[in-house]
Amino acid sequence: MEIVRRSIDAFNRGDLDAALADLHPEAEVVDDPRVPGGQTIRGRPEIERYFKSLSRYWESVRLVPERFVDRGNDVFVLARMIACTQRGGPEVERSLDQMVTLRNGKFIRDRVFSSRKDALEAVGLRE
């Protein structure tokens, strides 16, 4: 679970290299398919490109973890995303829950959920 905490902390500091340091070469990030534009991103180069592209839309993005649930090779993260657009305006805040799967100490899969309810159901928890 500590590897996930370190990655989130590095992301919040803007240190993308450190945030992706423990990424498996065959890793994938899986958006909720019900979200418009949701996609699956595979491989370190594509994942890195995706995270670098966030700055085109967002002045700042940070994740605020609320709870970590250790499920062996899976770490469930209940979190809030707080972001400011490049155009200004109010902060955007929403849940951004994830199931991170580890293999040999590396991130192999990050499944992102569009709703807290869906995320909790996926791991058999309730609010």
N, C-alpha and C. Protein backbone atom coordinates (compact mmCIF):
# COMPACT_ATOMS: atom_id res chain seq x y z
N MET A 1 0.82 -1.19 0.00
CA MET A 1 0.00 0.00 0.00
C MET A 1 0.87 1.26 0.00
N GLU A 2 2.03 1.18 0.60
CA GLU A 2 2.93 2.34 0.68
C GLU A 2 3.34 2.83 -0.71
N ILE A 3 3.52 1.91 -1.64
CA ILE A 3 3.90 2.28 -3.01
C ILE A 3 2.83 3.17 -3.65
N VAL A 4 1.56 2.91 -3.34
CA VAL A 4 0.47 3.71 -3.89
C VAL A 4 0.47 5.09 -3.24
N ARG A 5 0.67 5.15 -1.94
CA ARG A 5 0.75 6.44 -1.24
C ARG A 5 1.89 7.30 -1.81
N ARG A 6 3.06 6.69 -2.00
CA ARG A 6 4.21 7.42 -2.54
C ARG A 6 3.91 7.98 -3.93
N SER A 7 3.26 7.19 -4.75
CA SER A 7 2.94 7.63 -6.11
C SER A 7 1.97 8.82 -6.08
N ILE A 8 0.96 8.75 -5.25
CA ILE A 8 -0.01 9.85 -5.15
C ILE A 8 0.68 11.11 -4.61
N ASP A 9 1.52 10.95 -3.60
CA ASP A 9 2.25 12.10 -3.05
C ASP A 9 3.12 12.76 -4.13
N ALA A 10 3.81 11.94 -4.92
CA ALA A 10 4.66 12.47 -5.99
C ALA A 10 3.82 13.19 -7.04
N PHE A 11 2.69 12.61 -7.42
CA PHE A 11 1.78 13.23 -8.39
C PHE A 11 1.34 14.60 -7.88
N ASN A 12 0.96 14.66 -6.60
CA ASN A 12 0.50 15.93 -6.02
C ASN A 12 1.60 16.99 -5.95
N ARG A 13 2.86 16.56 -5.89
CA ARG A 13 3.99 17.49 -5.89
C ARG A 13 4.35 17.92 -7.32
N GLY A 14 3.74 17.28 -8.31
CA GLY A 14 4.07 17.57 -9.69
C GLY A 14 5.29 16.82 -10.19
N ASP A 15 5.70 15.79 -9.46
CA ASP A 15 6.87 15.00 -9.83
C ASP A 15 6.41 13.74 -10.56
N LEU A 16 6.16 13.90 -11.87
CA LEU A 16 5.62 12.80 -12.67
C LEU A 16 6.59 11.62 -12.74
N ASP A 17 7.88 11.90 -12.83
CA ASP A 17 8.86 10.80 -12.87
C ASP A 17 8.76 9.93 -11.63
N ALA A 18 8.67 10.54 -10.47
CA ALA A 18 8.55 9.77 -9.23
C ALA A 18 7.19 9.08 -9.14
N ALA A 19 6.14 9.76 -9.61
CA ALA A 19 4.80 9.18 -9.56
C ALA A 19 4.71 7.91 -10.40
N LEU A 20 5.47 7.87 -11.51
CA LEU A 20 5.42 6.72 -12.42
C LEU A 20 6.62 5.79 -12.25
N ALA A 21 7.43 6.02 -11.25
CA ALA A 21 8.66 5.24 -11.06
C ALA A 21 8.40 3.74 -10.91
N ASP A 22 7.28 3.39 -10.29
CA ASP A 22 6.98 1.98 -10.04
C ASP A 22 5.94 1.43 -11.01
N LEU A 23 5.90 1.99 -12.20
CA LEU A 23 4.96 1.55 -13.23
C LEU A 23 5.55 0.36 -13.99
N HIS A 24 4.80 -0.71 -14.08
CA HIS A 24 5.21 -1.88 -14.86
C HIS A 24 5.21 -1.50 -16.34
N PRO A 25 6.14 -2.01 -17.15
CA PRO A 25 6.18 -1.67 -18.58
C PRO A 25 4.87 -1.99 -19.32
N GLU A 26 4.12 -2.98 -18.85
CA GLU A 26 2.88 -3.37 -19.51
C GLU A 26 1.64 -2.85 -18.78
N ALA A 27 1.81 -1.83 -17.98
CA ALA A 27 0.71 -1.29 -17.18
C ALA A 27 -0.41 -0.74 -18.06
N GLU A 28 -1.59 -0.67 -17.46
CA GLU A 28 -2.72 -0.05 -18.14
C GLU A 28 -3.54 0.75 -17.15
N VAL A 29 -4.11 1.85 -17.64
CA VAL A 29 -5.05 2.66 -16.89
C VAL A 29 -6.40 2.50 -17.59
N VAL A 30 -7.40 2.08 -16.83
CA VAL A 30 -8.70 1.77 -17.40
C VAL A 30 -9.75 2.74 -16.84
N ASP A 31 -10.21 3.65 -17.69
CA ASP A 31 -11.30 4.55 -17.31
C ASP A 31 -12.61 3.77 -17.28
N ASP A 32 -13.56 4.29 -16.53
CA ASP A 32 -14.90 3.72 -16.55
C ASP A 32 -15.44 3.86 -17.97
N PRO A 33 -15.84 2.76 -18.61
CA PRO A 33 -16.30 2.83 -20.00
C PRO A 33 -17.59 3.64 -20.19
N ARG A 34 -18.30 3.91 -19.10
CA ARG A 34 -19.54 4.69 -19.21
C ARG A 34 -19.28 6.19 -19.28
N VAL A 35 -18.05 6.60 -19.02
CA VAL A 35 -17.71 8.02 -19.07
C VAL A 35 -17.38 8.41 -20.51
N PRO A 36 -18.01 9.47 -21.02
CA PRO A 36 -17.69 9.90 -22.39
C PRO A 36 -16.19 10.16 -22.53
N GLY A 37 -15.60 9.60 -23.55
CA GLY A 37 -14.17 9.77 -23.76
C GLY A 37 -13.32 8.84 -22.93
N GLY A 38 -13.96 8.01 -22.13
CA GLY A 38 -13.22 7.04 -21.31
C GLY A 38 -12.43 6.11 -22.21
N GLN A 39 -11.25 5.76 -21.76
CA GLN A 39 -10.38 4.94 -22.60
C GLN A 39 -9.51 4.05 -21.73
N THR A 40 -8.86 3.11 -22.38
CA THR A 40 -7.85 2.29 -21.73
C THR A 40 -6.51 2.69 -22.33
N ILE A 41 -5.58 3.04 -21.47
CA ILE A 41 -4.26 3.49 -21.91
C ILE A 41 -3.27 2.41 -21.51
N ARG A 42 -2.47 1.94 -22.47
CA ARG A 42 -1.56 0.82 -22.20
C ARG A 42 -0.11 1.21 -22.43
N GLY A 43 0.75 0.74 -21.54
CA GLY A 43 2.18 0.93 -21.68
C GLY A 43 2.67 2.24 -21.07
N ARG A 44 3.86 2.20 -20.53
CA ARG A 44 4.42 3.38 -19.86
C ARG A 44 4.46 4.62 -20.75
N PRO A 45 4.91 4.53 -22.02
CA PRO A 45 4.97 5.75 -22.83
C PRO A 45 3.61 6.43 -23.00
N GLU A 46 2.57 5.64 -23.23
CA GLU A 46 1.23 6.20 -23.42
C GLU A 46 0.68 6.76 -22.11
N ILE A 47 0.92 6.07 -21.01
CA ILE A 47 0.45 6.55 -19.71
C ILE A 47 1.15 7.85 -19.35
N GLU A 48 2.44 7.90 -19.57
CA GLU A 48 3.19 9.12 -19.30
C GLU A 48 2.69 10.27 -20.17
N ARG A 49 2.45 10.01 -21.44
CA ARG A 49 1.92 11.03 -22.36
C ARG A 49 0.56 11.54 -21.88
N TYR A 50 -0.27 10.62 -21.42
CA TYR A 50 -1.60 11.01 -20.91
C TYR A 50 -1.46 11.97 -19.73
N PHE A 51 -0.64 11.60 -18.75
CA PHE A 51 -0.50 12.45 -17.57
C PHE A 51 0.12 13.80 -17.90
N LYS A 52 1.05 13.82 -18.83
CA LYS A 52 1.63 15.11 -19.25
C LYS A 52 0.59 15.97 -19.96
N SER A 53 -0.36 15.35 -20.66
CA SER A 53 -1.37 16.11 -21.39
C SER A 53 -2.37 16.80 -20.47
N LEU A 54 -2.45 16.39 -19.22
CA LEU A 54 -3.41 17.00 -18.30
C LEU A 54 -3.18 18.51 -18.17
N SER A 55 -1.94 18.93 -18.30
CA SER A 55 -1.64 20.36 -18.13
C SER A 55 -2.25 21.22 -19.25
N ARG A 56 -2.66 20.61 -20.34
CA ARG A 56 -3.34 21.39 -21.39
C ARG A 56 -4.70 21.89 -20.92
N TYR A 57 -5.32 21.14 -20.03
CA TYR A 57 -6.68 21.46 -19.58
C TYR A 57 -6.73 21.98 -18.15
N TRP A 58 -5.81 21.49 -17.34
CA TRP A 58 -5.86 21.78 -15.92
C TRP A 58 -4.64 22.58 -15.47
N GLU A 59 -4.89 23.65 -14.76
CA GLU A 59 -3.80 24.41 -14.16
C GLU A 59 -3.19 23.61 -13.02
N SER A 60 -4.06 22.95 -12.26
CA SER A 60 -3.57 22.09 -11.19
C SER A 60 -4.55 20.94 -10.99
N VAL A 61 -4.00 19.80 -10.61
CA VAL A 61 -4.79 18.61 -10.28
C VAL A 61 -4.11 17.95 -9.09
N ARG A 62 -4.91 17.61 -8.10
CA ARG A 62 -4.34 16.84 -6.99
C ARG A 62 -5.37 15.82 -6.51
N LEU A 63 -4.85 14.75 -5.96
CA LEU A 63 -5.69 13.70 -5.39
C LEU A 63 -5.59 13.77 -3.88
N VAL A 64 -6.73 13.69 -3.22
CA VAL A 64 -6.77 13.70 -1.77
C VAL A 64 -7.33 12.37 -1.31
N PRO A 65 -6.44 11.44 -0.94
CA PRO A 65 -6.92 10.12 -0.50
C PRO A 65 -7.72 10.23 0.79
N GLU A 66 -8.84 9.53 0.81
CA GLU A 66 -9.68 9.49 2.01
C GLU A 66 -9.54 8.16 2.73
N ARG A 67 -9.26 7.12 1.96
CA ARG A 67 -9.17 5.78 2.55
C ARG A 67 -8.42 4.86 1.61
N PHE A 68 -7.60 3.99 2.19
CA PHE A 68 -6.91 2.94 1.44
C PHE A 68 -7.38 1.61 1.99
N VAL A 69 -7.67 0.67 1.10
CA VAL A 69 -8.06 -0.68 1.51
C VAL A 69 -7.09 -1.64 0.84
N ASP A 70 -6.34 -2.35 1.65
CA ASP A 70 -5.34 -3.31 1.16
C ASP A 70 -6.03 -4.64 0.90
N ARG A 71 -5.97 -5.08 -0.34
CA ARG A 71 -6.55 -6.37 -0.75
C ARG A 71 -5.47 -7.26 -1.36
N GLY A 72 -4.31 -7.32 -0.72
CA GLY A 72 -3.23 -8.14 -1.24
C GLY A 72 -2.56 -7.44 -2.41
N ASN A 73 -2.71 -7.99 -3.61
CA ASN A 73 -2.13 -7.37 -4.80
C ASN A 73 -2.94 -6.19 -5.31
N ASP A 74 -4.11 -5.98 -4.73
CA ASP A 74 -4.95 -4.84 -5.10
C ASP A 74 -5.01 -3.84 -3.95
N VAL A 75 -4.94 -2.58 -4.28
CA VAL A 75 -5.12 -1.50 -3.30
C VAL A 75 -6.26 -0.63 -3.80
N PHE A 76 -7.31 -0.57 -3.00
CA PHE A 76 -8.47 0.24 -3.33
C PHE A 76 -8.26 1.61 -2.70
N VAL A 77 -8.39 2.66 -3.50
CA VAL A 77 -8.17 4.03 -3.04
C VAL A 77 -9.45 4.84 -3.22
N LEU A 78 -10.02 5.28 -2.11
CA LEU A 78 -11.14 6.22 -2.15
C LEU A 78 -10.50 7.59 -2.06
N ALA A 79 -10.75 8.44 -3.05
CA ALA A 79 -10.08 9.74 -3.08
C ALA A 79 -10.98 10.81 -3.69
N ARG A 80 -10.59 12.04 -3.47
CA ARG A 80 -11.21 13.20 -4.11
C ARG A 80 -10.19 13.79 -5.07
N MET A 81 -10.65 14.19 -6.24
CA MET A 81 -9.80 14.93 -7.17
C MET A 81 -10.21 16.39 -7.05
N ILE A 82 -9.22 17.25 -6.89
CA ILE A 82 -9.47 18.68 -6.84
C ILE A 82 -8.63 19.30 -7.95
N ALA A 83 -9.29 20.03 -8.85
CA ALA A 83 -8.59 20.56 -10.01
C ALA A 83 -9.07 21.97 -10.34
N CYS A 84 -8.19 22.73 -10.97
CA CYS A 84 -8.51 24.07 -11.47
C CYS A 84 -8.23 24.06 -12.97
N THR A 85 -9.17 24.57 -13.74
CA THR A 85 -8.98 24.59 -15.19
C THR A 85 -8.02 25.70 -15.59
N GLN A 86 -7.48 25.59 -16.79
CA GLN A 86 -6.60 26.62 -17.33
C GLN A 86 -7.36 27.93 -17.54
N ARG A 87 -8.67 27.85 -17.73
CA ARG A 87 -9.49 29.04 -18.00
C ARG A 87 -9.91 29.77 -16.74
N GLY A 88 -9.53 29.26 -15.59
CA GLY A 88 -9.94 29.88 -14.33
C GLY A 88 -11.29 29.34 -13.89
N GLY A 89 -11.92 30.07 -13.01
CA GLY A 89 -13.20 29.62 -12.48
C GLY A 89 -13.02 28.85 -11.20
N PRO A 90 -14.11 28.30 -10.69
CA PRO A 90 -14.04 27.59 -9.41
C PRO A 90 -13.30 26.25 -9.54
N GLU A 91 -12.82 25.77 -8.41
CA GLU A 91 -12.21 24.44 -8.39
C GLU A 91 -13.26 23.40 -8.72
N VAL A 92 -12.82 22.34 -9.37
CA VAL A 92 -13.66 21.19 -9.65
C VAL A 92 -13.28 20.14 -8.64
N GLU A 93 -14.27 19.61 -7.94
CA GLU A 93 -13.99 18.56 -6.96
C GLU A 93 -14.97 17.42 -7.17
N ARG A 94 -14.42 16.20 -7.22
CA ARG A 94 -15.27 15.02 -7.41
C ARG A 94 -14.55 13.80 -6.87
N SER A 95 -15.31 12.73 -6.66
CA SER A 95 -14.66 11.49 -6.24
C SER A 95 -13.87 10.94 -7.42
N LEU A 96 -12.74 10.35 -7.11
CA LEU A 96 -11.92 9.68 -8.12
C LEU A 96 -11.34 8.44 -7.44
N ASP A 97 -12.14 7.39 -7.44
CA ASP A 97 -11.77 6.17 -6.75
C ASP A 97 -11.08 5.22 -7.72
N GLN A 98 -10.14 4.45 -7.20
CA GLN A 98 -9.33 3.60 -8.06
C GLN A 98 -9.06 2.25 -7.39
N MET A 99 -8.92 1.24 -8.23
CA MET A 99 -8.42 -0.06 -7.78
C MET A 99 -7.08 -0.23 -8.49
N VAL A 100 -6.01 -0.19 -7.71
CA VAL A 100 -4.66 -0.33 -8.25
C VAL A 100 -4.20 -1.76 -8.03
N THR A 101 -3.79 -2.42 -9.10
CA THR A 101 -3.28 -3.79 -9.01
C THR A 101 -1.77 -3.76 -9.17
N LEU A 102 -1.10 -4.46 -8.26
CA LEU A 102 0.36 -4.52 -8.26
C LEU A 102 0.83 -5.91 -8.68
N ARG A 103 1.95 -5.94 -9.40
CA ARG A 103 2.59 -7.20 -9.75
C ARG A 103 4.09 -7.02 -9.53
N ASN A 104 4.65 -7.85 -8.68
CA ASN A 104 6.08 -7.77 -8.36
C ASN A 104 6.50 -6.37 -7.94
N GLY A 105 5.66 -5.72 -7.13
CA GLY A 105 5.99 -4.40 -6.63
C GLY A 105 5.84 -3.27 -7.62
N LYS A 106 5.16 -3.52 -8.75
CA LYS A 106 4.96 -2.50 -9.78
C LYS A 106 3.46 -2.35 -10.07
N PHE A 107 3.07 -1.14 -10.47
CA PHE A 107 1.69 -0.90 -10.89
C PHE A 107 1.46 -1.59 -12.22
N ILE A 108 0.50 -2.51 -12.28
CA ILE A 108 0.19 -3.18 -13.54
C ILE A 108 -1.16 -2.71 -14.09
N ARG A 109 -2.07 -2.28 -13.19
CA ARG A 109 -3.40 -1.85 -13.64
C ARG A 109 -3.97 -0.83 -12.68
N ASP A 110 -4.59 0.19 -13.23
CA ASP A 110 -5.27 1.20 -12.43
C ASP A 110 -6.66 1.36 -13.02
N ARG A 111 -7.63 0.85 -12.32
CA ARG A 111 -9.02 0.93 -12.78
C ARG A 111 -9.68 2.12 -12.08
N VAL A 112 -10.21 3.05 -12.86
CA VAL A 112 -10.80 4.28 -12.34
C VAL A 112 -12.32 4.15 -12.40
N PHE A 113 -12.98 4.55 -11.31
CA PHE A 113 -14.44 4.45 -11.22
C PHE A 113 -15.07 5.83 -11.34
N SER A 114 -16.22 5.90 -12.00
CA SER A 114 -16.89 7.19 -12.20
C SER A 114 -17.79 7.56 -11.04
N SER A 115 -18.11 6.61 -10.18
CA SER A 115 -18.95 6.95 -9.03
C SER A 115 -18.48 6.17 -7.80
N ARG A 116 -18.66 6.77 -6.66
CA ARG A 116 -18.29 6.13 -5.40
C ARG A 116 -19.08 4.84 -5.20
N LYS A 117 -20.35 4.88 -5.56
CA LYS A 117 -21.20 3.69 -5.42
C LYS A 117 -20.64 2.52 -6.23
N ASP A 118 -20.27 2.78 -7.48
CA ASP A 118 -19.72 1.73 -8.34
C ASP A 118 -18.40 1.20 -7.78
N ALA A 119 -17.59 2.11 -7.28
CA ALA A 119 -16.29 1.71 -6.73
C ALA A 119 -16.47 0.80 -5.52
N LEU A 120 -17.34 1.20 -4.61
CA LEU A 120 -17.57 0.39 -3.42
C LEU A 120 -18.17 -0.97 -3.77
N GLU A 121 -19.11 -0.99 -4.70
CA GLU A 121 -19.70 -2.27 -5.12
C GLU A 121 -18.66 -3.19 -5.75
N ALA A 122 -17.72 -2.63 -6.49
CA ALA A 122 -16.70 -3.44 -7.16
C ALA A 122 -15.83 -4.20 -6.17
N VAL A 123 -15.68 -3.66 -4.97
CA VAL A 123 -14.84 -4.33 -3.97
C VAL A 123 -15.63 -4.88 -2.80
N GLY A 124 -16.96 -4.86 -2.93
CA GLY A 124 -17.81 -5.45 -1.89
C GLY A 124 -17.90 -4.65 -0.60
N LEU A 125 -17.80 -3.32 -0.72
CA LEU A 125 -17.91 -2.46 0.47
C LEU A 125 -19.15 -1.59 0.37
N ARG A 126 -19.50 -0.99 1.50
CA ARG A 126 -20.61 -0.02 1.53
C ARG A 126 -20.12 1.23 2.23
N GLU A 127 -20.82 2.34 1.95
CA GLU A 127 -20.44 3.60 2.62
C GLU A 127 -20.84 3.57 4.07
